[in-house]
């Protein structure tokens, strides 16, 4: 069995009963998007792309009291146990440590073509119909209000402000989701993001119309 196949089994098992927006199906969608984007990118290591996509949310800090060290630690232990090379392990760990949005003001300490691809794939899953579904699922998981017109979205948050925010779910569209289209790294990512972005704008227009009793 290949390392990628072993990783799929490990991730499926580890993420059982995880919150619906960050479960195995999220990983699977990111994996598929990453492979799709990689097909149109030159000079990328497809094995790194696959492993990074599979392990990028193996222990999301949101579900571990904000601890950003757990994900890289779990991934490293697994890859070492499976005999992965030091080069592969270091690259995958660097991807996990640098993939997150974190308010949009997080300076990546590492760059690679593989990170660009996986980051785009992960961001695509935060856009469009899937992105909307995941956003409200997480808002419900955190018992947040859907919308409060008296609480304005807060832009340009610091990393810590973003992590601690408990604002209404609709605010998240302005604090993250609608910003992602212009932060895509690859040409394929940008093209795929365009339609998903437009769908979210249409959703918000309908949402506000219904909120005001106009439709």
Protein backbone atom coordinates (compact mmCIF):
# COMPACT_ATOMS: atom_id res chain seq x y z
CA UNK A 1 0.00 0.00 0.00
CA UNK A 2 1.36 3.43 -0.94
CA UNK A 3 2.05 6.19 1.60
CA UNK A 4 -0.84 8.20 0.16
CA UNK A 5 -3.25 5.27 0.58
CA UNK A 6 -2.08 4.74 4.15
CA UNK A 7 -2.57 8.44 4.83
CA UNK A 8 -6.14 8.31 3.52
CA UNK A 9 -6.97 5.49 5.93
CA UNK A 10 -5.25 7.31 8.82
CA UNK A 11 -7.11 10.58 8.18
CA UNK A 12 -10.48 8.86 7.79
CA UNK A 13 -9.98 7.09 11.10
CA UNK A 14 -8.63 10.15 12.95
CA UNK A 15 -11.41 12.50 11.84
CA UNK A 16 -14.34 10.27 12.73
CA UNK A 17 -17.08 12.27 14.51
CA UNK A 18 -15.35 15.58 13.70
CA UNK A 19 -17.42 18.75 13.18
CA UNK A 20 -19.03 18.55 9.73
CA UNK A 21 -17.11 21.40 8.13
CA UNK A 22 -13.72 19.92 9.00
CA UNK A 23 -14.39 16.20 8.63
CA UNK A 24 -13.09 13.60 6.18
CA UNK A 25 -15.36 14.89 3.44
CA UNK A 26 -13.76 18.34 3.71
CA UNK A 27 -10.35 16.69 3.40
CA UNK A 28 -11.53 14.65 0.41
CA UNK A 29 -12.83 17.76 -1.38
CA UNK A 30 -9.58 19.64 -0.73
CA UNK A 31 -7.62 16.61 -1.93
CA UNK A 32 -9.58 16.44 -5.19
CA UNK A 33 -9.30 20.19 -5.77
CA UNK A 34 -5.56 20.08 -5.06
CA UNK A 35 -4.98 17.27 -7.55
CA UNK A 36 -7.06 19.14 -10.13
CA UNK A 37 -5.06 22.35 -9.67
CA UNK A 38 -1.76 20.45 -9.68
CA UNK A 39 -2.55 19.07 -13.12
CA UNK A 40 -2.29 22.58 -14.55
CA UNK A 41 0.81 23.62 -12.58
CA UNK A 42 4.38 22.93 -13.66
CA UNK A 43 7.18 21.65 -11.46
CA UNK A 44 5.14 20.47 -8.49
CA UNK A 45 5.59 17.29 -6.49
CA UNK A 46 2.25 15.49 -6.70
CA UNK A 47 3.00 13.22 -3.74
CA UNK A 48 3.64 16.27 -1.53
CA UNK A 49 0.44 17.87 -2.83
CA UNK A 50 -1.57 14.76 -1.96
CA UNK A 51 -0.02 14.26 1.47
CA UNK A 52 -0.26 17.94 2.38
CA UNK A 53 -3.91 18.09 1.32
CA UNK A 54 -4.75 14.96 3.28
CA UNK A 55 -2.98 16.07 6.47
CA UNK A 56 -3.59 19.85 6.42
CA UNK A 57 -6.46 19.66 8.95
CA UNK A 58 -5.52 16.51 10.84
CA UNK A 59 -5.84 18.41 14.14
CA UNK A 60 -7.23 21.89 13.46
CA UNK A 61 -6.30 24.34 16.22
CA UNK A 62 -9.92 25.57 16.37
CA UNK A 63 -10.80 22.30 18.06
CA UNK A 64 -7.74 22.16 20.31
CA UNK A 65 -8.01 25.40 22.31
CA UNK A 66 -6.14 27.33 19.63
CA UNK A 67 -3.01 25.15 19.90
CA UNK A 68 -1.36 25.32 16.47
CA UNK A 69 1.33 22.76 17.32
CA UNK A 70 -0.94 19.71 17.53
CA UNK A 71 -1.63 19.31 13.79
CA UNK A 72 2.04 19.36 12.76
CA UNK A 73 2.90 17.04 15.67
CA UNK A 74 0.27 14.44 14.74
CA UNK A 75 1.23 14.56 11.07
CA UNK A 76 4.94 14.22 11.84
CA UNK A 77 4.41 11.24 14.13
CA UNK A 78 2.34 9.49 11.47
CA UNK A 79 4.76 10.16 8.62
CA UNK A 80 7.76 9.09 10.72
CA UNK A 81 5.97 5.86 11.69
CA UNK A 82 5.34 5.15 8.00
CA UNK A 83 9.00 5.73 7.12
CA UNK A 84 8.55 8.88 5.04
CA UNK A 85 11.74 10.72 4.10
CA UNK A 86 12.89 13.74 6.11
CA UNK A 87 12.38 15.89 3.01
CA UNK A 88 8.74 14.85 2.69
CA UNK A 89 8.05 15.24 6.41
CA UNK A 90 9.59 18.72 6.61
CA UNK A 91 7.71 19.92 3.53
CA UNK A 92 4.32 18.59 4.68
CA UNK A 93 4.78 20.06 8.16
CA UNK A 94 5.69 23.44 6.68
CA UNK A 95 2.50 23.30 4.59
CA UNK A 96 0.35 22.55 7.64
CA UNK A 97 1.96 25.38 9.60
CA UNK A 98 1.43 27.98 6.87
CA UNK A 99 -1.84 27.11 5.13
CA UNK A 100 -4.35 28.88 7.37
CA UNK A 101 -6.03 32.22 6.66
CA UNK A 102 -5.75 33.50 10.28
CA UNK A 103 -7.45 36.82 9.58
CA UNK A 104 -5.58 37.46 6.35
CA UNK A 105 -2.76 39.23 8.18
CA UNK A 106 -0.64 36.14 8.77
CA UNK A 107 2.79 36.28 7.16
CA UNK A 108 3.78 32.90 5.80
CA UNK A 109 7.23 31.79 6.88
CA UNK A 110 7.42 29.23 4.09
CA UNK A 111 6.52 29.18 0.40
CA UNK A 112 6.36 26.43 -2.19
CA UNK A 113 4.38 25.56 -5.29
CA UNK A 114 2.80 22.68 -3.35
CA UNK A 115 1.66 25.00 -0.55
CA UNK A 116 0.19 27.41 -3.11
CA UNK A 117 -1.83 24.57 -4.65
CA UNK A 118 -3.12 23.13 -1.38
CA UNK A 119 -3.91 26.57 0.02
CA UNK A 120 -6.00 27.35 -3.07
CA UNK A 121 -7.78 24.00 -2.78
CA UNK A 122 -8.54 24.62 0.90
CA UNK A 123 -9.81 28.13 0.19
CA UNK A 124 -12.04 26.87 -2.61
CA UNK A 125 -13.81 24.72 -0.03
CA UNK A 126 -14.58 27.89 1.93
CA UNK A 127 -16.32 29.42 -1.11
CA UNK A 128 -19.57 28.85 -2.97
CA UNK A 129 -22.39 26.59 -1.82
CA UNK A 130 -20.05 24.34 0.16
CA UNK A 131 -18.44 27.34 1.82
CA UNK A 132 -21.84 28.71 2.85
CA UNK A 133 -22.90 25.35 4.26
CA UNK A 134 -19.65 24.96 6.20
CA UNK A 135 -19.85 28.48 7.58
CA UNK A 136 -23.33 28.06 9.03
CA UNK A 137 -22.50 24.56 10.26
CA UNK A 138 -19.54 25.92 12.23
CA UNK A 139 -21.57 28.88 13.47
CA UNK A 140 -24.16 26.48 14.84
CA UNK A 141 -21.44 24.30 16.33
CA UNK A 142 -20.18 27.40 18.18
CA UNK A 143 -23.74 28.53 19.05
CA UNK A 144 -23.27 31.85 17.26
CA UNK A 145 -26.14 34.00 16.06
CA UNK A 146 -26.87 33.89 12.34
CA UNK A 147 -26.91 37.67 11.89
CA UNK A 148 -27.08 40.77 14.05
CA UNK A 149 -27.34 44.07 12.12
CA UNK A 150 -26.01 45.89 15.19
CA UNK A 151 -22.66 44.04 15.05
CA UNK A 152 -20.58 45.16 12.08
CA UNK A 153 -17.93 42.91 10.53
CA UNK A 154 -14.42 43.68 11.75
CA UNK A 155 -11.89 43.86 8.96
CA UNK A 156 -8.09 43.64 9.13
CA UNK A 157 -8.13 41.70 12.38
CA UNK A 158 -4.92 40.50 13.89
CA UNK A 159 -4.32 36.77 14.00
CA UNK A 160 -5.32 36.62 17.68
CA UNK A 161 -8.44 38.74 17.17
CA UNK A 162 -9.51 36.49 14.33
CA UNK A 163 -9.01 33.33 16.36
CA UNK A 164 -11.00 34.70 19.33
CA UNK A 165 -13.86 36.20 17.34
CA UNK A 166 -17.39 35.04 18.22
CA UNK A 167 -19.18 37.38 15.81
CA UNK A 168 -22.42 36.39 13.99
CA UNK A 169 -21.97 33.95 11.14
CA UNK A 170 -22.86 36.45 8.41
CA UNK A 171 -19.92 38.60 9.51
CA UNK A 172 -17.57 35.77 8.52
CA UNK A 173 -18.42 36.35 4.87
CA UNK A 174 -16.85 39.82 5.08
CA UNK A 175 -14.07 38.92 7.49
CA UNK A 176 -12.82 36.01 5.38
CA UNK A 177 -14.89 34.36 2.65
CA UNK A 178 -15.34 37.31 0.30
CA UNK A 179 -11.63 38.13 0.61
CA UNK A 180 -10.41 34.76 -0.63
CA UNK A 181 -10.99 35.25 -4.37
CA UNK A 182 -8.25 37.87 -4.53
CA UNK A 183 -5.86 35.79 -2.43
CA UNK A 184 -5.71 32.75 -4.70
CA UNK A 185 -2.20 31.70 -5.73
CA UNK A 186 -2.73 29.83 -9.00
CA UNK A 187 -4.48 30.64 -12.26
CA UNK A 188 -6.71 27.57 -11.94
CA UNK A 189 -7.55 28.50 -8.36
CA UNK A 190 -8.52 32.02 -9.42
CA UNK A 191 -10.79 30.72 -12.19
CA UNK A 192 -12.54 28.24 -9.91
CA UNK A 193 -12.95 30.85 -7.18
CA UNK A 194 -14.69 33.34 -9.47
CA UNK A 195 -18.02 31.50 -9.81
CA UNK A 196 -18.07 30.47 -6.16
CA UNK A 197 -17.50 34.07 -5.12
CA UNK A 198 -20.40 35.27 -7.29
CA UNK A 199 -22.68 32.62 -5.80
CA UNK A 200 -21.94 33.90 -2.29
CA UNK A 201 -22.72 37.47 -3.34
CA UNK A 202 -26.05 36.27 -4.74
CA UNK A 203 -26.76 34.40 -1.51
CA UNK A 204 -26.07 37.48 0.61
CA UNK A 205 -28.32 39.65 -1.55
CA UNK A 206 -31.15 37.13 -1.15
CA UNK A 207 -30.45 36.80 2.58
CA UNK A 208 -30.75 40.53 3.24
CA UNK A 209 -33.85 40.76 1.05
CA UNK A 210 -35.55 38.03 3.08
CA UNK A 211 -34.30 39.53 6.36
CA UNK A 212 -36.02 42.81 5.50
CA UNK A 213 -39.17 41.01 4.31
CA UNK A 214 -38.73 42.15 0.74
CA UNK A 215 -38.84 38.75 -0.94
